């Protein structure tokens, strides 16, 4: 299985870094550094997947790819 794409970006509004996984609705995390945001979103991903599995919810396949990685 391929893994999910993770976006990491700086948020002026939050004064820190946000990491999110576009394929997993509402799966995001905050950190004061990019590395911290990444660590936190990996924990959020694990919790998201465990909750979906426990509640028999569908788990989406990794599909999101930023436009710079898409082949025409």
PDB file of N, CA and C in Angstrom:
ATOM      1  N   UNK A   1       0.827  -1.183   0.000  1.00  0.00           N
ATOM      2  CA  UNK A   1       0.000   0.000   0.000  1.00  0.00           C
ATOM      3  C   UNK A   1       0.867   1.240   0.000  1.00  0.00           C
ATOM      4  N   UNK A   2       0.508   2.190  -0.816  1.00  0.00           N
ATOM      5  CA  UNK A   2       1.192   3.476  -0.791  1.00  0.00           C
ATOM      6  C   UNK A   2       0.777   4.212   0.467  1.00  0.00           C
ATOM      7  N   UNK A   3       1.599   5.156   0.885  1.00  0.00           N
ATOM      8  CA  UNK A   3       1.253   5.919   2.074  1.00  0.00           C
ATOM      9  C   UNK A   3       0.554   7.212   1.671  1.00  0.00           C
ATOM     10  N   UNK A   4      -0.055   7.866   2.630  1.00  0.00           N
ATOM     11  CA  UNK A   4      -0.793   9.093   2.398  1.00  0.00           C
ATOM     12  C   UNK A   4       0.148  10.291   2.260  1.00  0.00           C
ATOM     13  N   UNK A   5      -0.223  11.201   1.374  1.00  0.00           N
ATOM     14  CA  UNK A   5       0.518  12.450   1.213  1.00  0.00           C
ATOM     15  C   UNK A   5       0.273  13.328   2.438  1.00  0.00           C
ATOM     16  N   UNK A   6       1.316  14.017   2.891  1.00  0.00           N
ATOM     17  CA  UNK A   6       1.205  14.927   4.024  1.00  0.00           C
ATOM     18  C   UNK A   6       1.660  16.308   3.576  1.00  0.00           C
ATOM     19  N   UNK A   7       0.817  17.309   3.822  1.00  0.00           N
ATOM     20  CA  UNK A   7       1.188  18.708   3.597  1.00  0.00           C
ATOM     21  C   UNK A   7       1.679  19.292   4.905  1.00  0.00           C
ATOM     22  N   UNK A   8       2.762  20.049   4.863  1.00  0.00           N
ATOM     23  CA  UNK A   8       3.240  20.771   6.036  1.00  0.00           C
ATOM     24  C   UNK A   8       3.459  22.209   5.598  1.00  0.00           C
ATOM     25  N   UNK A   9       2.857  23.143   6.329  1.00  0.00           N
ATOM     26  CA  UNK A   9       2.987  24.554   5.952  1.00  0.00           C
ATOM     27  C   UNK A   9       2.932  25.433   7.191  1.00  0.00           C
ATOM     28  N   UNK A  10       3.484  26.636   7.059  1.00  0.00           N
ATOM     29  CA  UNK A  10       3.468  27.589   8.158  1.00  0.00           C
ATOM     30  C   UNK A  10       2.177  28.382   8.124  1.00  0.00           C
ATOM     31  N   UNK A  11       1.551  28.566   9.273  1.00  0.00           N
ATOM     32  CA  UNK A  11       0.326  29.339   9.396  1.00  0.00           C
ATOM     33  C   UNK A  11       0.608  30.609  10.186  1.00  0.00           C
ATOM     34  N   UNK A  12       0.512  31.759   9.514  1.00  0.00           N
ATOM     35  CA  UNK A  12       0.682  33.033  10.222  1.00  0.00           C
ATOM     36  C   UNK A  12      -0.372  33.190  11.311  1.00  0.00           C
ATOM     37  N   UNK A  13      -1.600  32.780  10.993  1.00  0.00           N
ATOM     38  CA  UNK A  13      -2.710  32.913  11.937  1.00  0.00           C
ATOM     39  C   UNK A  13      -2.446  32.132  13.224  1.00  0.00           C
ATOM     40  N   UNK A  14      -1.916  30.918  13.086  1.00  0.00           N
ATOM     41  CA  UNK A  14      -1.657  30.060  14.253  1.00  0.00           C
ATOM     42  C   UNK A  14      -0.245  30.232  14.809  1.00  0.00           C
ATOM     43  N   UNK A  15       0.597  30.937  14.059  1.00  0.00           N
ATOM     44  CA  UNK A  15       1.996  31.155  14.450  1.00  0.00           C
ATOM     45  C   UNK A  15       2.722  29.844  14.700  1.00  0.00           C
ATOM     46  N   UNK A  16       2.529  28.919  13.782  1.00  0.00           N
ATOM     47  CA  UNK A  16       3.191  27.626  13.871  1.00  0.00           C
ATOM     48  C   UNK A  16       2.915  26.835  12.610  1.00  0.00           C
ATOM     49  N   UNK A  17       3.325  25.599  12.627  1.00  0.00           N
ATOM     50  CA  UNK A  17       3.213  24.734  11.457  1.00  0.00           C
ATOM     51  C   UNK A  17       1.992  23.826  11.558  1.00  0.00           C
ATOM     52  N   UNK A  18       1.348  23.651  10.436  1.00  0.00           N
ATOM     53  CA  UNK A  18       0.200  22.760  10.317  1.00  0.00           C
ATOM     54  C   UNK A  18       0.606  21.617   9.388  1.00  0.00           C
ATOM     55  N   UNK A  19       0.253  20.416   9.763  1.00  0.00           N
ATOM     56  CA  UNK A  19       0.434  19.254   8.896  1.00  0.00           C
ATOM     57  C   UNK A  19      -0.947  18.642   8.702  1.00  0.00           C
ATOM     58  N   UNK A  20      -1.271  18.315   7.461  1.00  0.00           N
ATOM     59  CA  UNK A  20      -2.559  17.678   7.215  1.00  0.00           C
ATOM     60  C   UNK A  20      -2.421  16.575   6.177  1.00  0.00           C
ATOM     61  N   UNK A  21      -3.382  15.660   6.226  1.00  0.00           N
ATOM     62  CA  UNK A  21      -3.425  14.535   5.294  1.00  0.00           C
ATOM     63  C   UNK A  21      -4.723  14.685   4.496  1.00  0.00           C
ATOM     64  N   UNK A  22      -4.636  15.174   3.260  1.00  0.00           N
ATOM     65  CA  UNK A  22      -5.835  15.461   2.479  1.00  0.00           C
ATOM     66  C   UNK A  22      -6.780  14.271   2.282  1.00  0.00           C
ATOM     67  N   UNK A  23      -6.262  13.071   2.200  1.00  0.00           N
ATOM     68  CA  UNK A  23      -7.115  11.900   1.982  1.00  0.00           C
ATOM     69  C   UNK A  23      -7.907  11.487   3.216  1.00  0.00           C
ATOM     70  N   UNK A  24      -7.494  11.947   4.394  1.00  0.00           N
ATOM     71  CA  UNK A  24      -8.181  11.586   5.635  1.00  0.00           C
ATOM     72  C   UNK A  24      -8.858  12.837   6.178  1.00  0.00           C
ATOM     73  N   UNK A  25     -10.165  12.912   5.986  1.00  0.00           N
ATOM     74  CA  UNK A  25     -10.924  14.111   6.336  1.00  0.00           C
ATOM     75  C   UNK A  25     -10.685  14.534   7.785  1.00  0.00           C
ATOM     76  N   UNK A  26     -10.351  15.804   7.951  1.00  0.00           N
ATOM     77  CA  UNK A  26     -10.124  16.426   9.260  1.00  0.00           C
ATOM     78  C   UNK A  26      -8.909  15.871  10.007  1.00  0.00           C
ATOM     79  N   UNK A  27      -7.981  15.254   9.319  1.00  0.00           N
ATOM     80  CA  UNK A  27      -6.786  14.721   9.965  1.00  0.00           C
ATOM     81  C   UNK A  27      -5.657  15.741   9.806  1.00  0.00           C
ATOM     82  N   UNK A  28      -5.396  16.478  10.877  1.00  0.00           N
ATOM     83  CA  UNK A  28      -4.357  17.498  10.836  1.00  0.00           C
ATOM     84  C   UNK A  28      -3.766  17.662  12.229  1.00  0.00           C
ATOM     85  N   UNK A  29      -2.658  18.389  12.292  1.00  0.00           N
ATOM     86  CA  UNK A  29      -1.985  18.591  13.569  1.00  0.00           C
ATOM     87  C   UNK A  29      -1.177  19.881  13.525  1.00  0.00           C
ATOM     88  N   UNK A  30      -0.813  20.374  14.685  1.00  0.00           N
ATOM     89  CA  UNK A  30      -0.060  21.616  14.849  1.00  0.00           C
ATOM     90  C   UNK A  30       1.281  21.320  15.510  1.00  0.00           C
ATOM     91  N   UNK A  31       2.278  22.118  15.158  1.00  0.00           N
ATOM     92  CA  UNK A  31       3.571  22.034  15.818  1.00  0.00           C
ATOM     93  C   UNK A  31       4.302  23.358  15.723  1.00  0.00           C
ATOM     94  N   UNK A  32       5.204  23.600  16.637  1.00  0.00           N
ATOM     95  CA  UNK A  32       6.002  24.824  16.592  1.00  0.00           C
ATOM     96  C   UNK A  32       7.092  24.746  15.533  1.00  0.00           C
ATOM     97  N   UNK A  33       7.418  23.528  15.103  1.00  0.00           N
ATOM     98  CA  UNK A  33       8.395  23.308  14.036  1.00  0.00           C
ATOM     99  C   UNK A  33       7.767  22.365  13.015  1.00  0.00           C
ATOM    100  N   UNK A  34       8.305  22.331  11.788  1.00  0.00           N
ATOM    101  CA  UNK A  34       7.775  21.376  10.815  1.00  0.00           C
ATOM    102  C   UNK A  34       7.890  19.928  11.300  1.00  0.00           C
ATOM    103  N   UNK A  35       8.989  19.629  11.969  1.00  0.00           N
ATOM    104  CA  UNK A  35       9.218  18.259  12.457  1.00  0.00           C
ATOM    105  C   UNK A  35       8.188  17.879  13.518  1.00  0.00           C
ATOM    106  N   UNK A  36       7.874  18.821  14.395  1.00  0.00           N
ATOM    107  CA  UNK A  36       6.882  18.554  15.440  1.00  0.00           C
ATOM    108  C   UNK A  36       5.495  18.350  14.818  1.00  0.00           C
ATOM    109  N   UNK A  37       5.144  19.192  13.851  1.00  0.00           N
ATOM    110  CA  UNK A  37       3.851  19.043  13.178  1.00  0.00           C
ATOM    111  C   UNK A  37       3.765  17.680  12.492  1.00  0.00           C
ATOM    112  N   UNK A  38       4.851  17.254  11.858  1.00  0.00           N
ATOM    113  CA  UNK A  38       4.873  15.949  11.200  1.00  0.00           C
ATOM    114  C   UNK A  38       4.704  14.820  12.215  1.00  0.00           C
ATOM    115  N   UNK A  39       5.441  14.872  13.318  1.00  0.00           N
ATOM    116  CA  UNK A  39       5.293  13.841  14.360  1.00  0.00           C
ATOM    117  C   UNK A  39       3.849  13.771  14.849  1.00  0.00           C
ATOM    118  N   UNK A  40       3.260  14.932  15.076  1.00  0.00           N
ATOM    119  CA  UNK A  40       1.898  14.979  15.594  1.00  0.00           C
ATOM    120  C   UNK A  40       0.885  14.445  14.592  1.00  0.00           C
ATOM    121  N   UNK A  41       1.050  14.781  13.301  1.00  0.00           N
ATOM    122  CA  UNK A  41       0.078  14.301  12.317  1.00  0.00           C
ATOM    123  C   UNK A  41       0.217  12.797  12.099  1.00  0.00           C
ATOM    124  N   UNK A  42       1.408  12.258  12.276  1.00  0.00           N
ATOM    125  CA  UNK A  42       1.559  10.803  12.170  1.00  0.00           C
ATOM    126  C   UNK A  42       0.804  10.104  13.303  1.00  0.00           C
ATOM    127  N   UNK A  43       0.803  10.699  14.488  1.00  0.00           N
ATOM    128  CA  UNK A  43       0.010  10.153  15.595  1.00  0.00           C
ATOM    129  C   UNK A  43      -1.480  10.296  15.303  1.00  0.00           C
ATOM    130  N   UNK A  44      -1.860  11.457  14.728  1.00  0.00           N
ATOM    131  CA  UNK A  44      -3.263  11.679  14.375  1.00  0.00           C
ATOM    132  C   UNK A  44      -3.720  10.680  13.312  1.00  0.00           C
ATOM    133  N   UNK A  45      -2.832  10.391  12.343  1.00  0.00           N
ATOM    134  CA  UNK A  45      -3.171   9.415  11.300  1.00  0.00           C
ATOM    135  C   UNK A  45      -3.428   8.050  11.918  1.00  0.00           C
ATOM    136  N   UNK A  46      -2.582   7.640  12.823  1.00  0.00           N
ATOM    137  CA  UNK A  46      -2.754   6.343  13.480  1.00  0.00           C
ATOM    138  C   UNK A  46      -4.094   6.296  14.217  1.00  0.00           C
ATOM    139  N   UNK A  47      -4.404   7.350  14.954  1.00  0.00           N
ATOM    140  CA  UNK A  47      -5.669   7.403  15.692  1.00  0.00           C
ATOM    141  C   UNK A  47      -6.861   7.428  14.736  1.00  0.00           C
ATOM    142  N   UNK A  48      -6.754   8.171  13.635  1.00  0.00           N
ATOM    143  CA  UNK A  48      -7.820   8.262  12.642  1.00  0.00           C
ATOM    144  C   UNK A  48      -8.115   6.883  12.061  1.00  0.00           C
ATOM    145  N   UNK A  49      -7.064   6.185  11.660  1.00  0.00           N
ATOM    146  CA  UNK A  49      -7.233   4.860  11.059  1.00  0.00           C
ATOM    147  C   UNK A  49      -7.787   3.853  12.057  1.00  0.00           C
ATOM    148  N   UNK A  50      -7.312   3.905  13.301  1.00  0.00           N
ATOM    149  CA  UNK A  50      -7.818   2.997  14.339  1.00  0.00           C
ATOM    150  C   UNK A  50      -9.293   3.256  14.610  1.00  0.00           C
ATOM    151  N   UNK A  51      -9.687   4.533  14.687  1.00  0.00           N
ATOM    152  CA  UNK A  51     -11.087   4.874  14.944  1.00  0.00           C
ATOM    153  C   UNK A  51     -11.977   4.433  13.787  1.00  0.00           C
ATOM    154  N   UNK A  52     -11.522   4.654  12.560  1.00  0.00           N
ATOM    155  CA  UNK A  52     -12.310   4.231  11.398  1.00  0.00           C
ATOM    156  C   UNK A  52     -12.485   2.717  11.400  1.00  0.00           C
ATOM    157  N   UNK A  53     -11.411   2.005  11.683  1.00  0.00           N
ATOM    158  CA  UNK A  53     -11.477   0.539  11.714  1.00  0.00           C
ATOM    159  C   UNK A  53     -12.420   0.065  12.828  1.00  0.00           C
ATOM    160  N   UNK A  54     -12.281   0.642  14.014  1.00  0.00           N
ATOM    161  CA  UNK A  54     -13.101   0.227  15.151  1.00  0.00           C
ATOM    162  C   UNK A  54     -14.582   0.501  14.911  1.00  0.00           C
ATOM    163  N   UNK A  55     -14.883   1.541  14.150  1.00  0.00           N
ATOM    164  CA  UNK A  55     -16.274   1.911  13.879  1.00  0.00           C
ATOM    165  C   UNK A  55     -16.770   1.419  12.523  1.00  0.00           C
ATOM    166  N   UNK A  56     -15.954   0.554  11.902  1.00  0.00           N
ATOM    167  CA  UNK A  56     -16.298  -0.039  10.603  1.00  0.00           C
ATOM    168  C   UNK A  56     -16.616   1.014   9.547  1.00  0.00           C
ATOM    169  N   UNK A  57     -15.854   2.098   9.572  1.00  0.00           N
ATOM    170  CA  UNK A  57     -15.981   3.164   8.575  1.00  0.00           C
ATOM    171  C   UNK A  57     -15.011   2.873   7.435  1.00  0.00           C
ATOM    172  N   UNK A  58     -15.336   3.322   6.234  1.00  0.00           N
ATOM    173  CA  UNK A  58     -14.427   3.082   5.105  1.00  0.00           C
ATOM    174  C   UNK A  58     -13.112   3.836   5.282  1.00  0.00           C
ATOM    175  N   UNK A  59     -12.041   3.192   4.903  1.00  0.00           N
ATOM    176  CA  UNK A  59     -10.713   3.813   4.942  1.00  0.00           C
ATOM    177  C   UNK A  59     -10.302   4.089   3.505  1.00  0.00           C
ATOM    178  N   UNK A  60     -10.159   5.371   3.167  1.00  0.00           N
ATOM    179  CA  UNK A  60      -9.842   5.702   1.777  1.00  0.00           C
ATOM    180  C   UNK A  60      -8.439   5.267   1.378  1.00  0.00           C
ATOM    181  N   UNK A  61      -8.310   4.891   0.125  1.00  0.00           N
ATOM    182  CA  UNK A  61      -6.990   4.602  -0.422  1.00  0.00           C
ATOM    183  C   UNK A  61      -6.251   5.927  -0.624  1.00  0.00           C
ATOM    184  N   UNK A  62      -4.931   5.926  -0.514  1.00  0.00           N
ATOM    185  CA  UNK A  62      -4.178   7.153  -0.797  1.00  0.00           C
ATOM    186  C   UNK A  62      -4.362   7.548  -2.263  1.00  0.00           C
ATOM    187  N   UNK A  63      -4.856   8.752  -2.495  1.00  0.00           N
ATOM    188  CA  UNK A  63      -5.087   9.213  -3.863  1.00  0.00           C
ATOM    189  C   UNK A  63      -4.505  10.597  -4.116  1.00  0.00           C
ATOM    190  N   UNK A  64      -4.474  11.433  -3.089  1.00  0.00           N
ATOM    191  CA  UNK A  64      -4.053  12.829  -3.288  1.00  0.00           C
ATOM    192  C   UNK A  64      -2.593  12.910  -3.707  1.00  0.00           C
ATOM    193  N   UNK A  65      -2.359  13.690  -4.767  1.00  0.00           N
ATOM    194  CA  UNK A  65      -0.996  13.990  -5.210  1.00  0.00           C
ATOM    195  C   UNK A  65      -0.979  15.454  -5.625  1.00  0.00           C
ATOM    196  N   UNK A  66      -0.075  16.240  -5.079  1.00  0.00           N
ATOM    197  CA  UNK A  66       0.014  17.638  -5.502  1.00  0.00           C
ATOM    198  C   UNK A  66       0.204  17.737  -7.008  1.00  0.00           C
ATOM    199  N   UNK A  67      -0.256  18.796  -7.591  1.00  0.00           N
ATOM    200  CA  UNK A  67      -0.214  18.979  -9.041  1.00  0.00           C
ATOM    201  C   UNK A  67       1.207  18.835  -9.586  1.00  0.00           C
ATOM    202  N   UNK A  68       2.222  19.201  -8.813  1.00  0.00           N
ATOM    203  CA  UNK A  68       3.598  19.119  -9.333  1.00  0.00           C
ATOM    204  C   UNK A  68       4.052  17.676  -9.540  1.00  0.00           C
ATOM    205  N   UNK A  69       3.331  16.706  -8.926  1.00  0.00           N
ATOM    206  CA  UNK A  69       3.695  15.303  -9.077  1.00  0.00           C
ATOM    207  C   UNK A  69       2.797  14.555 -10.049  1.00  0.00           C
ATOM    208  N   UNK A  70       1.793  15.227 -10.568  1.00  0.00           N
ATOM    209  CA  UNK A  70       0.873  14.559 -11.487  1.00  0.00           C
ATOM    210  C   UNK A  70       1.464  14.536 -12.888  1.00  0.00           C
ATOM    211  N   UNK A  71       1.273  13.422 -13.545  1.00  0.00           N
ATOM    212  CA  UNK A  71       1.774  13.254 -14.907  1.00  0.00           C
ATOM    213  C   UNK A  71       0.616  13.502 -15.871  1.00  0.00           C
ATOM    214  N   UNK A  72       0.882  14.323 -16.862  1.00  0.00           N
ATOM    215  CA  UNK A  72      -0.188  14.640 -17.841  1.00  0.00           C
ATOM    216  C   UNK A  72      -0.352  13.512 -18.824  1.00  0.00           C
TER     217      UNK A  72
END
